[in-house]
C-alpha atoms as a PDB file:
ATOM      1  CA  MET A   1      66.531 -23.612-171.848  1.00  0.00           C
ATOM      2  CA  ASN A   2      70.004 -23.585-170.157  1.00  0.00           C
ATOM      3  CA  GLN A   3      71.628 -26.920-169.349  1.00  0.00           C
ATOM      4  CA  GLN A   4      72.631 -26.174-165.981  1.00  0.00           C
ATOM      5  CA  ASN A   5      68.901 -25.156-164.803  1.00  0.00           C
ATOM      6  CA  SER A   6      67.422 -28.175-166.286  1.00  0.00           C
ATOM      7  CA  VAL A   7      65.379 -30.860-163.713  1.00  0.00           C
ATOM      8  CA  ILE A   8      66.361 -34.448-163.524  1.00  0.00           C
ATOM      9  CA  ASP A   9      63.993 -36.845-163.634  1.00  0.00           C
ATOM     10  CA  PRO A  10      65.459 -39.153-160.676  1.00  0.00           C
ATOM     11  CA  ALA A  11      64.270 -42.290-162.350  1.00  0.00           C
ATOM     12  CA  ARG A  12      65.826 -41.698-165.558  1.00  0.00           C
ATOM     13  CA  ASP A  13      68.749 -43.762-165.398  1.00  0.00           C
ATOM     14  CA  LEU A  14      67.308 -46.600-163.462  1.00  0.00           C
ATOM     15  CA  PRO A  15      66.555 -49.968-164.719  1.00  0.00           C
ATOM     16  CA  PRO A  16      62.492 -50.722-164.671  1.00  0.00           C
ATOM     17  CA  LEU A  17      62.699 -53.501-162.377  1.00  0.00           C
ATOM     18  CA  ARG A  18      64.916 -51.697-159.795  1.00  0.00           C
ATOM     19  CA  HIS A  19      63.122 -48.496-159.470  1.00  0.00           C
ATOM     20  CA  TRP A  20      59.395 -50.190-159.680  1.00  0.00           C
ATOM     21  CA  GLY A  21      60.838 -52.981-157.192  1.00  0.00           C
ATOM     22  CA  GLY A  22      61.833 -50.237-155.092  1.00  0.00           C
ATOM     23  CA  PHE A  23      58.591 -48.523-155.018  1.00  0.00           C
ATOM     24  CA  LEU A  24      57.018 -51.661-154.073  1.00  0.00           C
ATOM     25  CA  VAL A  25      59.266 -52.443-151.293  1.00  0.00           C
ATOM     26  CA  SER A  26      59.151 -48.614-150.091  1.00  0.00           C
ATOM     27  CA  GLY A  27      55.420 -48.927-150.041  1.00  0.00           C
ATOM     28  CA  LEU A  28      55.416 -52.125-147.866  1.00  0.00           C
ATOM     29  CA  ILE A  29      57.715 -50.904-145.391  1.00  0.00           C
ATOM     30  CA  ALA A  30      55.682 -47.604-144.953  1.00  0.00           C
ATOM     31  CA  LEU A  31      52.687 -50.047-144.503  1.00  0.00           C
ATOM     32  CA  ALA A  32      54.488 -52.560-142.174  1.00  0.00           C
ATOM     33  CA  CYS A  33      55.375 -49.111-140.288  1.00  0.00           C
ATOM     34  CA  ASP A  34      51.731 -47.564-140.266  1.00  0.00           C
ATOM     35  CA  ALA A  35      50.194 -51.075-138.896  1.00  0.00           C
ATOM     36  CA  SER A  36      53.138 -51.444-136.104  1.00  0.00           C
ATOM     37  CA  ILE A  37      52.845 -47.880-134.837  1.00  0.00           C
ATOM     38  CA  LEU A  38      49.018 -48.036-134.848  1.00  0.00           C
ATOM     39  CA  GLN A  39      48.727 -51.492-133.042  1.00  0.00           C
ATOM     40  CA  PHE A  40      51.429 -50.354-130.315  1.00  0.00           C
ATOM     41  CA  GLY A  41      49.476 -46.958-130.001  1.00  0.00           C
ATOM     42  CA  ILE A  42      46.335 -49.043-129.693  1.00  0.00           C
ATOM     43  CA  LEU A  43      47.649 -52.064-127.535  1.00  0.00           C
ATOM     44  CA  VAL A  44      50.331 -50.546-125.590  1.00  0.00           C
ATOM     45  CA  VAL A  45      49.791 -47.177-125.103  1.00  0.00           C
ATOM     46  CA  GLY A  46      45.985 -47.416-124.856  1.00  0.00           C
ATOM     47  CA  LEU A  47      45.581 -44.556-127.557  1.00  0.00           C
ATOM     48  CA  ASN A  48      42.044 -44.972-129.343  1.00  0.00           C
ATOM     49  CA  PRO A  49      42.279 -45.632-132.965  1.00  0.00           C
ATOM     50  CA  LEU A  50      42.063 -42.407-134.556  1.00  0.00           C
ATOM     51  CA  THR A  51      44.599 -40.591-132.315  1.00  0.00           C
ATOM     52  CA  ALA A  52      46.956 -43.815-132.795  1.00  0.00           C
ATOM     53  CA  ARG A  53      46.016 -43.366-136.768  1.00  0.00           C
ATOM     54  CA  LEU A  54      47.813 -39.687-137.114  1.00  0.00           C
ATOM     55  CA  ILE A  55      50.564 -40.899-135.134  1.00  0.00           C
ATOM     56  CA  ALA A  56      50.883 -43.823-137.388  1.00  0.00           C
ATOM     57  CA  ILE A  57      50.622 -42.071-140.393  1.00  0.00           C
ATOM     58  CA  SER A  58      53.491 -39.574-139.422  1.00  0.00           C
ATOM     59  CA  GLY A  59      55.935 -42.414-138.530  1.00  0.00           C
ATOM     60  CA  ALA A  60      55.202 -43.894-142.012  1.00  0.00           C
ATOM     61  CA  MET A  61      55.340 -40.909-143.887  1.00  0.00           C
ATOM     62  CA  VAL A  62      59.141 -40.447-142.650  1.00  0.00           C
ATOM     63  CA  ALA A  63      59.626 -44.260-142.853  1.00  0.00           C
ATOM     64  CA  GLY A  64      58.114 -44.047-146.672  1.00  0.00           C
ATOM     65  CA  TRP A  65      60.231 -40.756-147.574  1.00  0.00           C
ATOM     66  CA  LEU A  66      63.489 -42.303-146.423  1.00  0.00           C
ATOM     67  CA  ALA A  67      62.932 -45.463-148.096  1.00  0.00           C
ATOM     68  CA  HIS A  68      61.390 -44.072-151.342  1.00  0.00           C
ATOM     69  CA  ARG A  69      64.544 -41.768-151.474  1.00  0.00           C
ATOM     70  CA  ARG A  70      67.171 -44.369-151.563  1.00  0.00           C
ATOM     71  CA  LEU A  71      65.004 -47.839-152.856  1.00  0.00           C
ATOM     72  CA  THR A  72      62.835 -45.823-155.611  1.00  0.00           C
ATOM     73  CA  PHE A  73      64.960 -43.171-156.697  1.00  0.00           C
ATOM     74  CA  SER A  74      68.340 -44.655-155.705  1.00  0.00           C
ATOM     75  CA  LEU A  75      69.254 -40.680-153.908  1.00  0.00           C
ATOM     76  CA  SER A  76      72.836 -40.582-152.764  1.00  0.00           C
ATOM     77  CA  ALA A  77      72.529 -36.787-151.769  1.00  0.00           C
ATOM     78  CA  PRO A  78      71.743 -36.344-147.983  1.00  0.00           C
ATOM     79  CA  PRO A  79      68.094 -35.740-147.225  1.00  0.00           C
ATOM     80  CA  THR A  80      66.940 -32.241-146.806  1.00  0.00           C
ATOM     81  CA  LEU A  81      64.325 -30.652-144.474  1.00  0.00           C
ATOM     82  CA  GLY A  82      62.743 -29.213-147.962  1.00  0.00           C
ATOM     83  CA  GLU A  83      62.487 -32.461-149.583  1.00  0.00           C
ATOM     84  CA  PHE A  84      60.917 -33.909-146.666  1.00  0.00           C
ATOM     85  CA  SER A  85      58.429 -30.970-146.847  1.00  0.00           C
ATOM     86  CA  ARG A  86      57.498 -31.439-150.281  1.00  0.00           C
ATOM     87  CA  TYR A  87      57.442 -35.347-149.820  1.00  0.00           C
ATOM     88  CA  SER A  88      54.941 -34.829-146.730  1.00  0.00           C
ATOM     89  CA  ALA A  89      52.978 -32.021-148.636  1.00  0.00           C
ATOM     90  CA  THR A  90      52.618 -34.960-151.494  1.00  0.00           C
ATOM     91  CA  ALA A  91      51.475 -37.830-148.863  1.00  0.00           C
ATOM     92  CA  TRP A  92      49.147 -36.036-147.273  1.00  0.00           C
ATOM     93  CA  ILE A  93      47.627 -34.592-150.348  1.00  0.00           C
ATOM     94  CA  ALA A  94      47.308 -38.122-151.564  1.00  0.00           C
ATOM     95  CA  ALA A  95      45.616 -39.540-148.603  1.00  0.00           C
ATOM     96  CA  ALA A  96      43.095 -36.634-149.028  1.00  0.00           C
ATOM     97  CA  ILE A  97      42.625 -37.723-152.704  1.00  0.00           C
ATOM     98  CA  ASN A  98      41.879 -41.385-151.591  1.00  0.00           C
ATOM     99  CA  TYR A  99      39.865 -39.983-148.874  1.00  0.00           C
ATOM    100  CA  VAL A 100      37.770 -37.771-151.218  1.00  0.00           C
ATOM    101  CA  VAL A 101      37.591 -40.774-154.002  1.00  0.00           C
ATOM    102  CA  PHE A 102      36.606 -43.664-151.457  1.00  0.00           C
ATOM    103  CA  ALA A 103      33.776 -41.304-150.385  1.00  0.00           C
ATOM    104  CA  ALA A 104      32.649 -40.245-153.658  1.00  0.00           C
ATOM    105  CA  VAL A 105      32.472 -43.699-155.030  1.00  0.00           C
ATOM    106  CA  LEU A 106      30.069 -44.892-151.816  1.00  0.00           C
ATOM    107  CA  TYR A 107      28.113 -42.067-152.454  1.00  0.00           C
ATOM    108  CA  VAL A 108      27.677 -42.040-155.862  1.00  0.00           C
ATOM    109  CA  LEU A 109      27.500 -46.089-156.235  1.00  0.00           C
ATOM    110  CA  PRO A 110      26.086 -46.651-152.772  1.00  0.00           C
ATOM    111  CA  GLY A 111      25.751 -50.338-153.347  1.00  0.00           C
ATOM    112  CA  THR A 112      29.986 -50.473-153.917  1.00  0.00           C
ATOM    113  CA  HIS A 113      31.553 -52.867-151.170  1.00  0.00           C
ATOM    114  CA  PRO A 114      33.876 -50.428-149.259  1.00  0.00           C
ATOM    115  CA  LEU A 115      36.667 -52.719-150.140  1.00  0.00           C
ATOM    116  CA  THR A 116      36.242 -51.939-153.870  1.00  0.00           C
ATOM    117  CA  ALA A 117      36.073 -48.199-153.312  1.00  0.00           C
ATOM    118  CA  LEU A 118      39.243 -48.259-151.252  1.00  0.00           C
ATOM    119  CA  VAL A 119      41.119 -50.279-153.923  1.00  0.00           C
ATOM    120  CA  PHE A 120      39.748 -47.695-156.610  1.00  0.00           C
ATOM    121  CA  ALA A 121      40.752 -44.527-154.582  1.00  0.00           C
ATOM    122  CA  SER A 122      44.109 -46.266-153.454  1.00  0.00           C
ATOM    123  CA  ILE A 123      44.980 -46.889-156.972  1.00  0.00           C
ATOM    124  CA  LEU A 124      44.313 -43.135-157.712  1.00  0.00           C
ATOM    125  CA  ALA A 125      46.164 -41.871-154.842  1.00  0.00           C
ATOM    126  CA  THR A 126      49.061 -44.050-155.600  1.00  0.00           C
ATOM    127  CA  PHE A 127      49.316 -42.909-159.195  1.00  0.00           C
ATOM    128  CA  PHE A 128      49.481 -39.094-157.424  1.00  0.00           C
ATOM    129  CA  ALA A 129      51.819 -39.928-155.174  1.00  0.00           C
ATOM    130  CA  TYR A 130      54.159 -41.690-157.553  1.00  0.00           C
ATOM    131  CA  MET A 131      53.710 -38.611-159.996  1.00  0.00           C
ATOM    132  CA  GLY A 132      54.522 -35.914-157.110  1.00  0.00           C
ATOM    133  CA  MET A 133      57.582 -38.018-156.047  1.00  0.00           C
ATOM    134  CA  ARG A 134      58.941 -38.338-159.204  1.00  0.00           C
ATOM    135  CA  TYR A 135      58.510 -35.174-160.620  1.00  0.00           C
ATOM    136  CA  ARG A 136      58.183 -32.520-157.512  1.00  0.00           C
ATOM    137  CA  VAL A 137      59.757 -34.436-154.241  1.00  0.00           C
ATOM    138  CA  PHE A 138      62.895 -36.087-155.437  1.00  0.00           C
ATOM    139  CA  ARG A 139      64.000 -34.204-158.758  1.00  0.00           C
ATOM    140  CA  GLY A 140      67.315 -33.125-158.846  1.00  0.00           C
ATOM    141  CA  ARG A 141      68.928 -30.191-161.041  1.00  0.00           C
ATOM    142  CA  ALA A 142      71.667 -30.744-163.538  1.00  0.00           C
END
């Protein structure tokens, strides 16, 4: 394969603590954004929780994209619309995986506590989201 066309792993040269710490902090930033917009939408704007949640997810998605590109993968190149599109697709697929696994656990094992199902589903979705970010969204070219 031609060296100029090889895909660069964006986390390859980052120290593991820096990389995984950035992943954790970026996730917390997105969560805080999500929760803040949700509460604002419900308490200040008067939206119903389902509508407020859609807006909150969208806002958190932008915050997560910008945080992950900078904190998790240390990218210095300017963000692009294509990158955001790939990130959005990955995030929505991860959310769908989370929901489907959550529902499946509760259906297959009806005695399971919903929080247990949530944790299990979130772990699987987080793995998918990370792999998508690392190898699809924030990849570079040599």
